[in-house]
Amino acid sequence: MNLIKRIGLFLLTNIAVIFLFSIIIFLIERIFWINISASAGTWYTWLLIYAAIFGFVGSFFSLAISRWSAKKLYSITPIKADEVSFLSPKEQLVYRTVHDISQRENIKAPQVWIYQSQDPNAFATGATKNSSLVACSSGLLQSMTEDEIEAVVAHEMAHVVNGDMVTMSLLQWVMNTFVIFFARIIANIINERTEWKLGWVVYFAVYIVLQIVLGILASLVVNAFSRRREFHADAGSAKFVWKEKMIAALQALGRMKELAPSNADKLATMKINTKTDTGFKKFFMTHPPIEERIKNLENLRIS
C-alpha cells in the first residue's frame, strides 16, 4: 500500500509539473511571440531526457550515500546486539523500540546510533526501509522522559516504514528535472533575444542564476511535502506508541526548540526538531510549527 501511495504521488507530481510546463510555454509564446510548440521537436525531447538523467543522478546519489554521509558527519558507529546490555536504560529503550517496531512491520531493523550532541534531536535515513538507520542525540536522551524518547524513536521509525526517504528523492528528482530543463530553455530565449549573442561565459552565468532562482521555487514544493510528511510521521508514532506520548514529546521539543540547529544543518530535513519561522519564511521550513503538529495529533483518531 505504501508503494502504491509513493507511485501515486510521483505520478501526480509529474502531472502537476507537466501542467506547469504547459502554462509556462503558453506564456512564453504569448509574451515573446516564439512558437515553441511547433519548433520543440527533437531538441526539447533530448533536453528533457538530459535534465531527467542529471536530476535523477543528483537526487538518488544523495540518497544512496545518505547513511555514509551521516556516519562521516557524526563520526559514530552503529550499536551492536552484544553491546546492548552495556547501554544506559534510555539507550536500551531506543534500541528496543527500533527493533520492536521493525518486527511488527516486518522490515529489517535499522542500525541504531547514539551520537554525542547537546542538540535535542533524532533522525532517520537510508536508501530503503531495509537499509536504514535511526539515530538519537545524547542531548535528547538527557532532556526527555522514557515515554517521550519512545515516541520520538517511533516517529523516526514511521519515516522508515512510510518510505519517506525514497519518496522525497522521487520528488526531488522531478524538481531537479524542472530546474535544469527550464533554466536551459529560458537562457536560450534570452540569448536569442539579445542583439549581440551572449558569449559562452555570460550565457553560463545566466544559466546558473536561472538554476538558482528556479531551484528556490522548486524548494517551496519540496519543503511543503516535507512538512506534510512530518504530520504523517507524528501520526505513525501515535499509532505505534499512543498519541499522548507523541504529544508530550512535541511539547518537550517545543520547550527546547531554541537549542535546535538552524535549517542550514545538512540533515535538517531528516530530523524531528528544527527551529521554525512565521510569515513568508514558513514556506521555506522543512518542518511545520510544533504547535500545529500538536493540534493535528489532538484531532487525530486512531483506528
Protein backbone atom coordinates (compact mmCIF):
# COMPACT_ATOMS: atom_id res chain seq x y z
CA MET A 1 0.00 0.00 0.00
CA ASN A 2 2.85 2.42 0.84
CA LEU A 3 4.45 1.63 -2.54
CA ILE A 4 1.18 2.41 -4.31
CA LYS A 5 0.95 5.73 -2.45
CA ARG A 6 4.52 6.66 -3.42
CA ILE A 7 3.90 5.79 -7.08
CA GLY A 8 0.65 7.74 -6.98
CA LEU A 9 2.39 10.77 -5.50
CA PHE A 10 5.13 10.52 -8.12
CA LEU A 11 2.60 10.38 -10.97
CA LEU A 12 0.55 13.26 -9.56
CA THR A 13 3.69 15.35 -9.16
CA ASN A 14 4.68 14.65 -12.76
CA ILE A 15 1.21 15.58 -13.98
CA ALA A 16 1.41 18.82 -11.99
CA VAL A 17 4.84 19.64 -13.43
CA ILE A 18 3.69 18.89 -16.99
CA PHE A 19 0.68 21.14 -16.41
CA LEU A 20 3.02 23.86 -15.15
CA PHE A 21 5.29 23.30 -18.18
CA SER A 22 2.29 23.86 -20.45
CA ILE A 23 1.37 27.12 -18.72
CA ILE A 24 4.94 28.45 -18.86
CA ILE A 25 5.33 27.55 -22.55
CA PHE A 26 1.97 29.17 -23.32
CA LEU A 27 3.04 32.39 -21.55
CA ILE A 28 6.44 32.42 -23.28
CA GLU A 29 4.75 32.00 -26.68
CA ARG A 30 2.32 34.86 -25.99
CA ILE A 31 4.85 37.28 -24.43
CA PHE A 32 7.84 36.68 -26.71
CA TRP A 33 5.90 35.53 -29.83
CA ILE A 34 8.02 32.38 -30.11
CA ASN A 35 6.29 29.29 -31.48
CA ILE A 36 7.86 26.80 -29.08
CA SER A 37 5.18 24.16 -29.66
CA ALA A 38 5.94 23.97 -33.37
CA SER A 39 9.73 24.07 -33.05
CA ALA A 40 10.18 21.96 -29.91
CA GLY A 41 10.90 18.74 -31.82
CA THR A 42 13.90 16.60 -31.11
CA TRP A 43 15.99 19.22 -29.28
CA TYR A 44 13.45 19.70 -26.49
CA THR A 45 12.95 15.96 -26.21
CA TRP A 46 16.68 15.38 -25.76
CA LEU A 47 16.93 18.31 -23.36
CA LEU A 48 14.18 16.81 -21.22
CA ILE A 49 15.94 13.42 -21.25
CA TYR A 50 19.22 15.14 -20.31
CA ALA A 51 17.52 17.04 -17.48
CA ALA A 52 15.81 13.89 -16.19
CA ILE A 53 19.09 11.94 -16.17
CA PHE A 54 21.03 14.61 -14.33
CA GLY A 55 18.11 15.27 -11.99
CA PHE A 56 17.97 11.56 -11.19
CA VAL A 57 21.72 11.30 -10.56
CA GLY A 58 21.72 14.30 -8.21
CA SER A 59 18.72 13.15 -6.21
CA PHE A 60 19.38 9.43 -5.89
CA PHE A 61 23.14 9.71 -5.43
CA SER A 62 22.44 11.79 -2.32
CA LEU A 63 20.01 9.12 -1.14
CA ALA A 64 22.44 6.29 -1.87
CA ILE A 65 25.20 7.82 0.24
CA SER A 66 22.91 9.19 2.98
CA ARG A 67 23.93 6.60 5.59
CA TRP A 68 27.60 7.04 4.74
CA SER A 69 27.26 10.84 4.91
CA ALA A 70 25.57 10.70 8.31
CA LYS A 71 28.29 8.40 9.65
CA LYS A 72 31.02 10.75 8.45
CA LEU A 73 29.21 13.83 9.73
CA TYR A 74 28.78 12.45 13.26
CA SER A 75 31.81 10.10 13.37
CA ILE A 76 29.88 7.27 15.02
CA THR A 77 29.28 3.57 14.54
CA PRO A 78 26.06 1.55 15.00
CA ILE A 79 25.22 -0.23 18.23
CA LYS A 80 25.81 -3.98 18.02
CA ALA A 81 23.44 -6.53 19.56
CA ASP A 82 26.09 -7.76 22.00
CA GLU A 83 26.64 -4.20 23.27
CA VAL A 84 23.04 -3.53 24.29
CA SER A 85 23.42 -4.86 27.85
CA PHE A 86 26.15 -2.25 28.47
CA LEU A 87 23.98 0.66 27.43
CA SER A 88 22.09 3.01 29.73
CA PRO A 89 18.35 2.32 30.25
CA LYS A 90 17.36 5.12 27.84
CA GLU A 91 19.79 3.90 25.17
CA GLN A 92 18.40 0.39 25.56
CA LEU A 93 14.91 1.84 25.11
CA VAL A 94 15.93 3.38 21.78
CA TYR A 95 17.37 0.09 20.57
CA ARG A 96 14.39 -1.94 21.77
CA THR A 97 11.81 0.43 20.25
CA VAL A 98 13.51 0.30 16.85
CA HIS A 99 13.61 -3.49 16.87
CA ASP A 100 10.07 -3.92 18.23
CA ILE A 101 8.55 -1.71 15.51
CA SER A 102 10.70 -3.35 12.82
CA GLN A 103 9.46 -6.78 13.85
CA ARG A 104 5.86 -5.57 13.95
CA GLU A 105 6.15 -4.04 10.46
CA ASN A 106 8.14 -6.99 9.08
CA ILE A 107 11.15 -4.97 7.94
CA LYS A 108 14.86 -5.34 8.62
CA ALA A 109 15.76 -3.43 11.78
CA PRO A 110 17.62 -0.19 11.01
CA GLN A 111 21.02 0.43 12.52
CA VAL A 112 20.73 2.26 15.84
CA TRP A 113 23.06 5.11 16.77
CA ILE A 114 23.51 7.34 19.77
CA TYR A 115 25.59 10.37 18.86
CA GLN A 116 27.13 12.96 21.16
CA SER A 117 25.43 16.34 20.80
CA GLN A 118 23.59 18.76 23.07
CA ASP A 119 21.16 19.37 20.19
CA PRO A 120 17.96 17.54 21.32
CA ASN A 121 17.30 15.66 18.11
CA ALA A 122 16.86 12.39 16.26
CA PHE A 123 16.85 11.42 12.61
CA ALA A 124 16.37 8.51 10.22
CA THR A 125 17.91 7.99 6.81
CA GLY A 126 18.84 5.29 4.33
CA ALA A 127 18.29 4.30 0.71
CA THR A 128 15.48 1.83 1.53
CA LYS A 129 13.41 0.83 4.53
CA ASN A 130 15.55 -2.33 4.82
CA SER A 131 18.84 -0.43 4.79
CA SER A 132 18.13 2.46 7.12
CA LEU A 133 19.43 3.90 10.35
CA VAL A 134 17.84 5.67 13.31
CA ALA A 135 19.94 7.97 15.46
CA CYS A 136 19.26 9.87 18.68
CA SER A 137 21.43 12.55 20.22
CA SER A 138 22.74 12.33 23.77
CA GLY A 139 21.10 15.71 24.38
CA LEU A 140 17.68 14.32 23.53
CA LEU A 141 18.16 11.33 25.87
CA GLN A 142 19.24 13.60 28.70
CA SER A 143 16.35 16.02 28.25
CA MET A 144 13.39 13.65 27.76
CA THR A 145 11.48 11.08 29.73
CA GLU A 146 11.37 7.46 28.57
CA ASP A 147 7.83 7.87 27.16
CA GLU A 148 8.90 10.93 25.17
CA ILE A 149 12.01 9.17 23.87
CA GLU A 150 9.93 6.18 22.81
CA ALA A 151 7.59 8.49 20.87
CA VAL A 152 10.46 10.27 19.11
CA VAL A 153 12.01 6.95 18.05
CA ALA A 154 8.60 5.76 16.84
CA HIS A 155 8.31 8.98 14.81
CA GLU A 156 11.61 8.21 13.09
CA MET A 157 10.54 4.62 12.52
CA ALA A 158 7.35 5.92 10.88
CA HIS A 159 9.56 7.75 8.37
CA VAL A 160 11.35 4.46 7.66
CA VAL A 161 8.17 2.39 7.39
CA ASN A 162 6.49 5.01 5.16
CA GLY A 163 9.48 5.06 2.81
CA ASP A 164 9.77 8.82 3.17
CA MET A 165 13.42 8.96 2.13
CA VAL A 166 12.65 7.37 -1.26
CA THR A 167 9.53 9.48 -1.76
CA MET A 168 11.44 12.69 -1.05
CA SER A 169 14.11 11.61 -3.55
CA LEU A 170 11.47 10.97 -6.23
CA LEU A 171 10.01 14.41 -5.65
CA GLN A 172 13.46 16.00 -5.69
CA TRP A 173 14.17 14.22 -8.98
CA VAL A 174 11.12 15.79 -10.61
CA MET A 175 12.05 19.21 -9.24
CA ASN A 176 15.67 18.87 -10.39
CA THR A 177 14.44 17.99 -13.87
CA PHE A 178 12.16 21.02 -13.87
CA VAL A 179 15.01 23.34 -12.83
CA ILE A 180 17.55 22.06 -15.38
CA PHE A 181 15.04 21.94 -18.26
CA PHE A 182 13.58 25.41 -17.86
CA ALA A 183 16.83 27.11 -16.89
CA ARG A 184 18.30 26.00 -20.23
CA ILE A 185 15.19 27.00 -22.23
CA ILE A 186 14.96 30.47 -20.66
CA ALA A 187 18.72 31.02 -21.07
CA ASN A 188 18.37 30.14 -24.78
CA ILE A 189 15.46 32.54 -25.20
CA ILE A 190 17.45 35.36 -23.56
CA ASN A 191 20.38 34.54 -25.83
CA GLU A 192 18.19 34.58 -28.97
CA ARG A 193 16.54 37.86 -27.98
CA THR A 194 19.83 39.63 -27.34
CA GLU A 195 21.01 41.78 -30.26
CA TRP A 196 24.58 40.68 -29.75
CA LYS A 197 24.66 36.99 -28.85
CA LEU A 198 25.79 36.22 -25.33
CA GLY A 199 29.31 34.92 -25.02
CA TRP A 200 29.61 31.46 -23.51
CA VAL A 201 30.77 32.88 -20.15
CA VAL A 202 27.77 35.23 -19.87
CA TYR A 203 25.43 32.52 -21.14
CA PHE A 204 26.70 30.11 -18.48
CA ALA A 205 26.34 32.78 -15.77
CA VAL A 206 22.73 33.44 -16.84
CA TYR A 207 22.06 29.70 -16.83
CA ILE A 208 23.42 29.32 -13.29
CA VAL A 209 21.41 32.29 -12.00
CA LEU A 210 18.26 30.81 -13.53
CA GLN A 211 19.02 27.47 -11.88
CA ILE A 212 19.32 29.21 -8.52
CA VAL A 213 16.05 31.14 -8.95
CA LEU A 214 14.11 28.11 -10.20
CA GLY A 215 15.76 25.97 -7.52
CA ILE A 216 14.37 28.29 -4.84
CA LEU A 217 10.88 27.95 -6.34
CA ALA A 218 11.26 24.16 -6.52
CA SER A 219 12.34 24.08 -2.87
CA LEU A 220 8.94 25.52 -1.91
CA VAL A 221 7.31 22.36 -3.31
CA VAL A 222 9.83 20.02 -1.68
CA ASN A 223 9.57 21.75 1.70
CA ALA A 224 5.76 21.73 1.55
CA PHE A 225 5.84 17.96 1.11
CA SER A 226 8.47 17.66 3.86
CA ARG A 227 6.13 19.44 6.27
CA ARG A 228 3.29 17.15 5.22
CA ARG A 229 5.34 14.01 5.86
CA GLU A 230 6.11 15.22 9.40
CA PHE A 231 2.38 15.14 10.17
CA HIS A 232 2.22 11.59 8.82
CA ALA A 233 5.23 10.52 10.89
CA ASP A 234 3.64 12.03 14.00
CA ALA A 235 0.51 10.02 13.25
CA GLY A 236 2.64 6.92 12.74
CA SER A 237 4.23 7.42 16.13
CA ALA A 238 0.79 7.84 17.68
CA LYS A 239 -0.23 4.52 16.13
CA PHE A 240 2.88 2.74 17.39
CA VAL A 241 3.08 4.09 20.97
CA TRP A 242 -0.11 6.18 21.62
CA LYS A 243 -0.61 9.79 20.66
CA GLU A 244 -0.37 11.07 24.26
CA LYS A 245 3.31 10.11 24.26
CA MET A 246 3.94 11.87 20.95
CA ILE A 247 2.13 14.99 22.12
CA ALA A 248 4.26 15.02 25.28
CA ALA A 249 7.40 14.58 23.16
CA LEU A 250 6.47 17.50 20.91
CA GLN A 251 5.71 19.67 23.94
CA ALA A 252 9.15 18.82 25.30
CA LEU A 253 10.74 19.66 21.94
CA GLY A 254 8.82 22.93 21.94
CA ARG A 255 10.41 23.87 25.25
CA MET A 256 13.84 23.01 23.85
CA LYS A 257 13.45 24.33 20.28
CA GLU A 258 15.89 27.19 20.82
CA LEU A 259 18.58 24.54 21.22
CA ALA A 260 17.80 23.11 17.78
CA PRO A 261 20.13 23.97 14.88
CA SER A 262 19.09 26.19 12.01
CA ASN A 263 17.90 24.59 8.78
CA ALA A 264 21.38 25.07 7.40
CA ASP A 265 22.13 21.73 9.07
CA LYS A 266 22.84 19.16 6.33
CA LEU A 267 20.43 16.68 7.94
CA ALA A 268 17.72 19.19 8.85
CA THR A 269 15.06 17.55 6.67
CA MET A 270 15.68 14.21 8.41
CA LYS A 271 15.45 15.48 11.96
CA ILE A 272 12.46 15.74 14.24
CA ASN A 273 13.26 19.13 15.71
CA THR A 274 14.19 22.32 13.85
CA LYS A 275 13.72 26.00 14.51
CA THR A 276 10.58 27.37 12.89
CA ASP A 277 9.71 30.79 11.50
CA THR A 278 6.50 32.64 10.85
CA GLY A 279 5.25 34.68 7.92
CA PHE A 280 6.74 34.10 4.48
CA LYS A 281 9.77 32.28 5.93
CA LYS A 282 7.44 29.49 7.00
CA PHE A 283 7.19 28.31 3.38
CA PHE A 284 10.90 27.56 3.36
CA MET A 285 10.78 25.41 6.52
CA THR A 286 11.15 21.64 6.32
CA HIS A 287 9.06 21.13 9.48
CA PRO A 288 5.67 22.60 10.45
CA PRO A 289 5.45 24.56 13.73
CA ILE A 290 5.32 22.28 16.75
CA GLU A 291 2.05 23.90 17.82
CA GLU A 292 0.42 22.80 14.55
CA ARG A 293 1.77 19.28 14.96
CA ILE A 294 0.35 19.04 18.46
CA LYS A 295 -3.05 20.32 17.32
CA ASN A 296 -3.06 17.82 14.45
CA LEU A 297 -2.39 14.97 16.89
CA GLU A 298 -5.06 16.16 19.32
CA ASN A 299 -7.61 15.93 16.48
CA LEU A 300 -6.28 12.58 15.25
CA ARG A 301 -8.44 9.49 15.52
CA ILE A 302 -6.52 6.25 15.81
CA SER A 303 -8.36 3.38 14.11
